[in-house]
């Protein structure tokens, strides 16, 4: 079942995703439906959706188009809150959502996650656009790579 935005919003979303940004990809040794499920289940997200140096202490997720998510992380004794809205969800294929941090000057970015069958597992490709500056891009790349490594460990056992 495909849930998506209005036609105009979909065109705007796809146009934004053609901009420069970061792309990370990770092989997950699990079937595509299980990997996709891990992106929509708050219980599972709590176990993998943080960089290695952080821990998710609270997460809320309304996994539907227009639904909101919000998670609180502890990283090196500092609390960070990220949140956004699901823009498009295509079962076992794609998720698009906004992403921003609760900070003094929040920048809303757009994230697209796609899922592909690859051998006995799933290739996950994540693209994020709208980041400001090389430092932010590098930090987000490292963070997403770490999260996807966590996901591979969680589902590969």
N, C-alpha and C. Protein backbone atom coordinates (compact mmCIF):
# COMPACT_ATOMS: atom_id res chain seq x y z
N UNK A 1 0.85 -1.17 0.00
CA UNK A 1 0.00 0.00 0.00
C UNK A 1 0.89 1.23 0.00
N UNK A 2 0.63 2.17 -0.86
CA UNK A 2 1.40 3.41 -0.93
C UNK A 2 0.64 4.51 -0.23
N UNK A 3 1.35 5.18 0.66
CA UNK A 3 0.84 6.38 1.27
C UNK A 3 1.75 7.49 0.81
N UNK A 4 1.22 8.57 0.34
CA UNK A 4 2.09 9.62 -0.16
C UNK A 4 1.44 10.97 -0.02
N UNK A 5 2.20 11.98 -0.38
CA UNK A 5 1.74 13.35 -0.32
C UNK A 5 0.87 13.67 -1.53
N UNK A 6 0.30 14.86 -1.52
CA UNK A 6 -0.40 15.33 -2.71
C UNK A 6 0.59 15.41 -3.86
N UNK A 7 0.09 15.47 -5.07
CA UNK A 7 0.96 15.50 -6.25
C UNK A 7 1.94 16.66 -6.19
N UNK A 8 1.49 17.84 -5.85
CA UNK A 8 2.35 19.01 -5.78
C UNK A 8 3.42 18.85 -4.70
N UNK A 9 3.02 18.37 -3.53
CA UNK A 9 3.99 18.17 -2.45
C UNK A 9 5.01 17.11 -2.84
N UNK A 10 4.56 16.07 -3.55
CA UNK A 10 5.47 15.02 -3.99
C UNK A 10 6.51 15.60 -4.95
N UNK A 11 6.09 16.45 -5.87
CA UNK A 11 7.03 17.07 -6.80
C UNK A 11 8.05 17.93 -6.06
N UNK A 12 7.59 18.68 -5.06
CA UNK A 12 8.50 19.52 -4.27
C UNK A 12 9.50 18.66 -3.50
N UNK A 13 9.01 17.57 -2.92
CA UNK A 13 9.87 16.67 -2.16
C UNK A 13 10.94 16.06 -3.06
N UNK A 14 10.53 15.53 -4.22
CA UNK A 14 11.49 14.92 -5.14
C UNK A 14 12.48 15.95 -5.66
N UNK A 15 12.03 17.18 -5.90
CA UNK A 15 12.93 18.23 -6.37
C UNK A 15 13.98 18.53 -5.30
N UNK A 16 13.56 18.60 -4.05
CA UNK A 16 14.51 18.86 -2.96
C UNK A 16 15.55 17.76 -2.87
N UNK A 17 15.14 16.52 -3.12
CA UNK A 17 16.06 15.40 -3.00
C UNK A 17 17.06 15.30 -4.15
N UNK A 18 16.90 16.11 -5.17
CA UNK A 18 17.89 16.12 -6.24
C UNK A 18 19.03 17.08 -5.93
N UNK A 19 18.89 17.86 -4.85
CA UNK A 19 19.95 18.77 -4.44
C UNK A 19 21.12 17.98 -3.86
N UNK A 20 22.27 18.66 -3.75
CA UNK A 20 23.42 18.02 -3.12
C UNK A 20 23.09 17.72 -1.67
N UNK A 21 23.73 16.73 -1.14
CA UNK A 21 23.54 16.35 0.24
C UNK A 21 24.45 15.17 0.53
N UNK A 22 24.11 14.41 1.49
CA UNK A 22 24.91 13.23 1.80
C UNK A 22 24.15 11.97 1.41
N UNK A 23 24.91 10.95 1.08
CA UNK A 23 24.34 9.64 0.78
C UNK A 23 25.17 8.61 1.52
N UNK A 24 24.50 7.73 2.25
CA UNK A 24 25.16 6.60 2.89
C UNK A 24 24.39 5.34 2.53
N UNK A 25 25.11 4.24 2.50
CA UNK A 25 24.49 2.97 2.14
C UNK A 25 25.07 1.87 3.01
N UNK A 26 24.24 0.90 3.36
CA UNK A 26 24.68 -0.17 4.25
C UNK A 26 23.93 -1.45 3.89
N UNK A 27 24.66 -2.56 3.83
CA UNK A 27 24.02 -3.86 3.66
C UNK A 27 23.56 -4.34 5.02
N UNK A 28 22.31 -4.76 5.09
CA UNK A 28 21.73 -5.29 6.34
C UNK A 28 21.41 -6.77 6.09
N UNK A 29 21.97 -7.68 6.88
CA UNK A 29 21.75 -9.11 6.65
C UNK A 29 20.40 -9.60 7.18
N UNK A 30 19.33 -9.05 6.59
CA UNK A 30 17.97 -9.41 6.99
C UNK A 30 17.04 -9.12 5.81
N UNK A 31 15.88 -9.79 5.77
CA UNK A 31 14.93 -9.54 4.69
C UNK A 31 14.43 -8.09 4.70
N UNK A 32 14.07 -7.61 3.52
CA UNK A 32 13.66 -6.22 3.36
C UNK A 32 12.50 -5.85 4.27
N UNK A 33 11.50 -6.72 4.42
CA UNK A 33 10.35 -6.37 5.26
C UNK A 33 10.76 -6.17 6.72
N UNK A 34 11.75 -6.93 7.19
CA UNK A 34 12.22 -6.77 8.57
C UNK A 34 13.00 -5.46 8.75
N UNK A 35 13.78 -5.13 7.74
CA UNK A 35 14.56 -3.88 7.80
C UNK A 35 13.61 -2.69 7.77
N UNK A 36 12.63 -2.74 6.88
CA UNK A 36 11.64 -1.66 6.79
C UNK A 36 10.89 -1.52 8.12
N UNK A 37 10.51 -2.64 8.70
CA UNK A 37 9.79 -2.63 9.98
C UNK A 37 10.60 -1.93 11.07
N UNK A 38 11.91 -2.09 11.04
CA UNK A 38 12.77 -1.48 12.06
C UNK A 38 12.76 0.04 11.98
N UNK A 39 12.39 0.60 10.83
CA UNK A 39 12.30 2.05 10.68
C UNK A 39 10.96 2.59 11.16
N UNK A 40 9.97 1.74 11.35
CA UNK A 40 8.65 2.19 11.74
C UNK A 40 8.24 1.82 13.15
N UNK A 41 9.01 0.99 13.80
CA UNK A 41 8.70 0.53 15.14
C UNK A 41 9.52 1.30 16.17
N UNK A 42 8.84 2.06 17.01
CA UNK A 42 9.55 2.83 18.05
C UNK A 42 10.37 1.90 18.94
N UNK A 43 9.84 0.73 19.24
CA UNK A 43 10.55 -0.23 20.09
C UNK A 43 11.88 -0.64 19.45
N UNK A 44 11.86 -0.91 18.14
CA UNK A 44 13.10 -1.28 17.45
C UNK A 44 14.01 -0.07 17.24
N UNK A 45 13.42 1.07 16.90
CA UNK A 45 14.22 2.28 16.67
C UNK A 45 15.02 2.65 17.92
N UNK A 46 14.45 2.43 19.06
CA UNK A 46 15.13 2.74 20.33
C UNK A 46 16.45 1.96 20.44
N UNK A 47 16.49 0.80 19.79
CA UNK A 47 17.65 -0.10 19.93
C UNK A 47 18.76 0.18 18.92
N UNK A 48 18.48 0.95 17.86
CA UNK A 48 19.52 1.14 16.85
C UNK A 48 19.67 2.57 16.34
N UNK A 49 18.69 3.43 16.51
CA UNK A 49 18.69 4.74 15.85
C UNK A 49 19.42 5.80 16.67
N UNK A 50 20.69 5.54 16.93
CA UNK A 50 21.57 6.51 17.59
C UNK A 50 23.01 6.15 17.23
N UNK A 51 23.87 7.15 17.17
CA UNK A 51 25.29 6.85 16.94
C UNK A 51 25.84 6.01 18.09
N UNK A 52 26.99 5.38 17.85
CA UNK A 52 27.59 4.50 18.86
C UNK A 52 27.80 5.19 20.20
N UNK A 53 28.12 6.48 20.17
CA UNK A 53 28.44 7.20 21.41
C UNK A 53 27.19 7.72 22.13
N UNK A 54 26.01 7.41 21.61
CA UNK A 54 24.77 7.94 22.17
C UNK A 54 23.81 6.82 22.54
N UNK A 55 22.78 7.20 23.28
CA UNK A 55 21.72 6.27 23.66
C UNK A 55 20.38 6.97 23.53
N UNK A 56 19.42 6.28 22.90
CA UNK A 56 18.06 6.80 22.82
C UNK A 56 17.40 6.57 24.16
N UNK A 57 16.90 7.65 24.78
CA UNK A 57 16.22 7.48 26.07
C UNK A 57 14.70 7.61 25.94
N UNK A 58 14.26 8.18 24.82
CA UNK A 58 12.81 8.31 24.61
C UNK A 58 12.56 8.44 23.12
N UNK A 59 11.53 7.77 22.64
CA UNK A 59 11.19 7.91 21.23
C UNK A 59 9.69 7.73 21.05
N UNK A 60 9.13 8.61 20.24
CA UNK A 60 7.72 8.53 19.86
C UNK A 60 7.67 8.53 18.34
N UNK A 61 6.83 7.68 17.75
CA UNK A 61 6.74 7.61 16.30
C UNK A 61 5.32 7.29 15.87
N UNK A 62 4.75 8.17 15.06
CA UNK A 62 3.45 7.93 14.42
C UNK A 62 3.78 7.58 12.97
N UNK A 63 4.05 6.31 12.71
CA UNK A 63 4.57 5.88 11.41
C UNK A 63 3.45 5.83 10.37
N UNK A 64 3.16 7.01 9.83
CA UNK A 64 2.17 7.18 8.76
C UNK A 64 2.47 8.52 8.11
N UNK A 65 2.03 8.69 6.87
CA UNK A 65 2.25 9.96 6.20
C UNK A 65 1.58 11.08 7.00
N UNK A 66 2.32 12.12 7.30
CA UNK A 66 1.83 13.21 8.13
C UNK A 66 2.06 12.97 9.61
N UNK A 67 2.46 11.75 9.97
CA UNK A 67 2.74 11.43 11.37
C UNK A 67 4.06 12.03 11.81
N UNK A 68 4.18 12.27 13.09
CA UNK A 68 5.38 12.89 13.65
C UNK A 68 6.22 11.86 14.38
N UNK A 69 7.51 12.14 14.47
CA UNK A 69 8.40 11.36 15.32
C UNK A 69 9.23 12.33 16.14
N UNK A 70 9.69 11.85 17.27
CA UNK A 70 10.52 12.66 18.15
C UNK A 70 11.34 11.70 19.00
N UNK A 71 12.64 11.94 19.05
CA UNK A 71 13.48 11.09 19.89
C UNK A 71 14.45 11.94 20.69
N UNK A 72 14.75 11.47 21.87
CA UNK A 72 15.69 12.13 22.76
C UNK A 72 16.89 11.23 22.95
N UNK A 73 18.07 11.77 22.75
CA UNK A 73 19.31 11.03 22.88
C UNK A 73 20.20 11.65 23.94
N UNK A 74 20.99 10.82 24.58
CA UNK A 74 22.04 11.27 25.48
C UNK A 74 23.36 10.93 24.80
N UNK A 75 24.18 11.95 24.58
CA UNK A 75 25.49 11.78 23.95
C UNK A 75 26.52 12.50 24.80
N UNK A 76 27.44 11.76 25.37
CA UNK A 76 28.48 12.38 26.19
C UNK A 76 27.90 13.34 27.23
N UNK A 77 26.91 12.91 27.94
CA UNK A 77 26.24 13.66 29.01
C UNK A 77 25.41 14.84 28.53
N UNK A 78 25.25 15.00 27.22
CA UNK A 78 24.41 16.06 26.68
C UNK A 78 23.13 15.46 26.10
N UNK A 79 22.03 16.18 26.29
CA UNK A 79 20.75 15.73 25.76
C UNK A 79 20.49 16.41 24.42
N UNK A 80 20.05 15.62 23.44
CA UNK A 80 19.72 16.13 22.11
C UNK A 80 18.35 15.59 21.72
N UNK A 81 17.55 16.43 21.09
CA UNK A 81 16.21 16.02 20.64
C UNK A 81 16.13 16.25 19.13
N UNK A 82 15.71 15.21 18.42
CA UNK A 82 15.47 15.34 16.98
C UNK A 82 14.01 15.00 16.71
N UNK A 83 13.48 15.61 15.66
CA UNK A 83 12.07 15.39 15.36
C UNK A 83 11.80 15.67 13.89
N UNK A 84 10.63 15.25 13.45
CA UNK A 84 10.25 15.50 12.07
C UNK A 84 8.89 14.92 11.76
N UNK A 85 8.56 14.93 10.46
CA UNK A 85 7.26 14.47 9.98
C UNK A 85 7.50 13.53 8.81
N UNK A 86 6.78 12.42 8.80
CA UNK A 86 6.86 11.48 7.69
C UNK A 86 6.14 12.08 6.48
N UNK A 87 6.86 12.20 5.37
CA UNK A 87 6.33 12.80 4.15
C UNK A 87 5.77 11.77 3.18
N UNK A 88 6.42 10.62 3.09
CA UNK A 88 5.98 9.55 2.18
C UNK A 88 6.44 8.22 2.75
N UNK A 89 5.58 7.22 2.62
CA UNK A 89 5.90 5.86 3.06
C UNK A 89 5.38 4.91 1.99
N UNK A 90 6.30 4.16 1.40
CA UNK A 90 5.92 3.12 0.44
C UNK A 90 6.42 1.81 1.03
N UNK A 91 5.51 0.96 1.42
CA UNK A 91 5.80 -0.27 2.16
C UNK A 91 6.98 -1.04 1.56
N UNK A 92 7.99 -1.29 2.39
CA UNK A 92 9.17 -2.08 2.04
C UNK A 92 10.02 -1.48 0.93
N UNK A 93 9.76 -0.21 0.55
CA UNK A 93 10.52 0.40 -0.53
C UNK A 93 11.16 1.73 -0.16
N UNK A 94 10.39 2.63 0.43
CA UNK A 94 10.91 4.00 0.62
C UNK A 94 10.20 4.69 1.78
N UNK A 95 10.97 5.53 2.48
CA UNK A 95 10.45 6.41 3.52
C UNK A 95 11.09 7.78 3.29
N UNK A 96 10.29 8.83 3.32
CA UNK A 96 10.81 10.19 3.24
C UNK A 96 10.27 10.95 4.45
N UNK A 97 11.18 11.63 5.15
CA UNK A 97 10.76 12.38 6.34
C UNK A 97 11.62 13.62 6.52
N UNK A 98 11.05 14.61 7.20
CA UNK A 98 11.83 15.77 7.59
C UNK A 98 12.63 15.41 8.83
N UNK A 99 13.71 16.15 9.06
CA UNK A 99 14.60 15.85 10.18
C UNK A 99 15.20 17.16 10.67
N UNK A 100 15.08 17.42 11.96
CA UNK A 100 15.77 18.57 12.53
C UNK A 100 16.01 18.35 14.00
N UNK A 101 16.94 19.13 14.51
CA UNK A 101 17.32 19.08 15.91
C UNK A 101 16.67 20.23 16.65
N UNK A 102 16.32 19.99 17.91
CA UNK A 102 15.75 21.02 18.77
C UNK A 102 16.91 21.80 19.36
N UNK A 103 17.27 22.89 18.70
CA UNK A 103 18.41 23.70 19.13
C UNK A 103 18.11 25.16 18.83
N UNK A 104 19.04 26.01 19.15
CA UNK A 104 18.81 27.46 19.01
C UNK A 104 18.48 27.86 17.57
N UNK A 105 19.16 27.28 16.60
CA UNK A 105 18.92 27.62 15.19
C UNK A 105 18.66 26.34 14.40
N UNK A 106 17.49 25.76 14.56
CA UNK A 106 17.23 24.48 13.90
C UNK A 106 17.15 24.62 12.38
N UNK A 107 17.69 23.64 11.69
CA UNK A 107 17.65 23.57 10.24
C UNK A 107 16.86 22.32 9.87
N UNK A 108 15.78 22.50 9.13
CA UNK A 108 15.00 21.35 8.71
C UNK A 108 15.62 20.75 7.45
N UNK A 109 15.90 19.46 7.50
CA UNK A 109 16.45 18.75 6.36
C UNK A 109 15.43 17.71 5.90
N UNK A 110 15.73 17.08 4.79
CA UNK A 110 14.86 16.06 4.24
C UNK A 110 15.67 14.78 4.06
N UNK A 111 15.11 13.67 4.50
CA UNK A 111 15.79 12.38 4.44
C UNK A 111 14.94 11.41 3.63
N UNK A 112 15.61 10.70 2.70
CA UNK A 112 14.97 9.64 1.95
C UNK A 112 15.73 8.35 2.21
N UNK A 113 15.00 7.30 2.59
CA UNK A 113 15.59 5.99 2.83
C UNK A 113 14.95 5.02 1.86
N UNK A 114 15.80 4.29 1.11
CA UNK A 114 15.29 3.32 0.16
C UNK A 114 15.84 1.94 0.50
N UNK A 115 15.04 0.92 0.21
CA UNK A 115 15.34 -0.46 0.58
C UNK A 115 15.36 -1.33 -0.68
N UNK A 116 16.44 -2.10 -0.88
CA UNK A 116 16.59 -2.94 -2.07
C UNK A 116 17.00 -4.35 -1.64
N UNK A 117 16.41 -5.34 -2.28
CA UNK A 117 16.85 -6.72 -2.06
C UNK A 117 18.27 -6.86 -2.60
N UNK A 118 19.12 -7.51 -1.81
CA UNK A 118 20.48 -7.81 -2.25
C UNK A 118 20.91 -9.13 -1.65
N UNK A 119 20.93 -10.16 -2.47
CA UNK A 119 21.29 -11.48 -1.99
C UNK A 119 20.35 -11.91 -0.88
N UNK A 120 20.94 -12.31 0.24
CA UNK A 120 20.15 -12.77 1.39
C UNK A 120 19.82 -11.65 2.35
N UNK A 121 19.95 -10.42 1.89
CA UNK A 121 19.69 -9.29 2.79
C UNK A 121 19.11 -8.10 2.06
N UNK A 122 19.35 -6.94 2.63
CA UNK A 122 18.77 -5.69 2.13
C UNK A 122 19.84 -4.61 2.07
N UNK A 123 19.88 -3.90 0.96
CA UNK A 123 20.73 -2.73 0.84
C UNK A 123 19.88 -1.52 1.21
N UNK A 124 20.32 -0.76 2.19
CA UNK A 124 19.64 0.47 2.61
C UNK A 124 20.47 1.64 2.12
N UNK A 125 19.81 2.55 1.39
CA UNK A 125 20.47 3.76 0.92
C UNK A 125 19.72 4.96 1.50
N UNK A 126 20.46 5.83 2.16
CA UNK A 126 19.89 7.00 2.82
C UNK A 126 20.49 8.26 2.19
N UNK A 127 19.61 9.19 1.86
CA UNK A 127 20.04 10.48 1.33
C UNK A 127 19.45 11.57 2.21
N UNK A 128 20.28 12.55 2.58
CA UNK A 128 19.81 13.69 3.37
C UNK A 128 20.24 14.98 2.69
N UNK A 129 19.29 15.88 2.49
CA UNK A 129 19.58 17.17 1.85
C UNK A 129 19.13 18.29 2.77
N UNK A 130 19.74 19.46 2.55
CA UNK A 130 19.37 20.64 3.32
C UNK A 130 20.31 20.95 4.46
N UNK A 131 21.37 20.17 4.62
CA UNK A 131 22.35 20.44 5.67
C UNK A 131 23.14 21.69 5.32
N UNK A 132 23.57 22.41 6.35
CA UNK A 132 24.28 23.67 6.13
C UNK A 132 25.74 23.47 6.52
N UNK A 133 26.61 23.50 5.53
CA UNK A 133 28.04 23.44 5.78
C UNK A 133 28.63 22.04 5.77
N UNK A 134 29.93 22.01 5.51
CA UNK A 134 30.65 20.74 5.42
C UNK A 134 30.70 20.02 6.77
N UNK A 135 30.87 20.77 7.84
CA UNK A 135 30.96 20.15 9.16
C UNK A 135 29.66 19.42 9.51
N UNK A 136 28.52 20.08 9.30
CA UNK A 136 27.23 19.46 9.58
C UNK A 136 27.02 18.22 8.70
N UNK A 137 27.40 18.34 7.45
CA UNK A 137 27.26 17.20 6.53
C UNK A 137 28.11 16.03 7.00
N UNK A 138 29.36 16.29 7.37
CA UNK A 138 30.24 15.23 7.84
C UNK A 138 29.73 14.59 9.13
N UNK A 139 29.26 15.42 10.07
CA UNK A 139 28.73 14.90 11.33
C UNK A 139 27.50 14.03 11.11
N UNK A 140 26.61 14.47 10.23
CA UNK A 140 25.41 13.68 9.94
C UNK A 140 25.77 12.39 9.21
N UNK A 141 26.73 12.44 8.30
CA UNK A 141 27.16 11.23 7.60
C UNK A 141 27.69 10.20 8.61
N UNK A 142 28.57 10.64 9.49
CA UNK A 142 29.12 9.74 10.50
C UNK A 142 28.02 9.16 11.39
N UNK A 143 27.08 10.01 11.76
CA UNK A 143 25.97 9.57 12.61
C UNK A 143 25.12 8.52 11.91
N UNK A 144 24.72 8.79 10.65
CA UNK A 144 23.90 7.82 9.92
C UNK A 144 24.66 6.52 9.69
N UNK A 145 25.95 6.60 9.37
CA UNK A 145 26.73 5.37 9.18
C UNK A 145 26.74 4.53 10.45
N UNK A 146 26.91 5.20 11.58
CA UNK A 146 26.91 4.52 12.87
C UNK A 146 25.54 3.89 13.15
N UNK A 147 24.47 4.62 12.88
CA UNK A 147 23.12 4.09 13.09
C UNK A 147 22.87 2.85 12.22
N UNK A 148 23.28 2.93 10.96
CA UNK A 148 23.05 1.79 10.06
C UNK A 148 23.90 0.59 10.45
N UNK A 149 25.08 0.82 10.99
CA UNK A 149 25.89 -0.28 11.54
C UNK A 149 25.16 -0.93 12.71
N UNK A 150 24.56 -0.11 13.57
CA UNK A 150 23.77 -0.64 14.69
C UNK A 150 22.61 -1.49 14.18
N UNK A 151 21.94 -1.01 13.14
CA UNK A 151 20.81 -1.74 12.57
C UNK A 151 21.27 -3.08 12.00
N UNK A 152 22.41 -3.09 11.32
CA UNK A 152 22.95 -4.34 10.77
C UNK A 152 23.26 -5.32 11.89
N UNK A 153 23.83 -4.83 12.98
CA UNK A 153 24.13 -5.71 14.12
C UNK A 153 22.84 -6.23 14.76
N UNK A 154 21.86 -5.37 14.93
CA UNK A 154 20.61 -5.77 15.57
C UNK A 154 19.89 -6.85 14.76
N UNK A 155 19.76 -6.63 13.46
CA UNK A 155 18.98 -7.55 12.64
C UNK A 155 19.80 -8.73 12.12
N UNK A 156 21.12 -8.63 12.23
CA UNK A 156 21.97 -9.72 11.74
C UNK A 156 22.19 -10.83 12.75
N UNK A 157 21.62 -10.68 13.94
CA UNK A 157 21.82 -11.70 14.97
C UNK A 157 20.65 -12.63 15.07
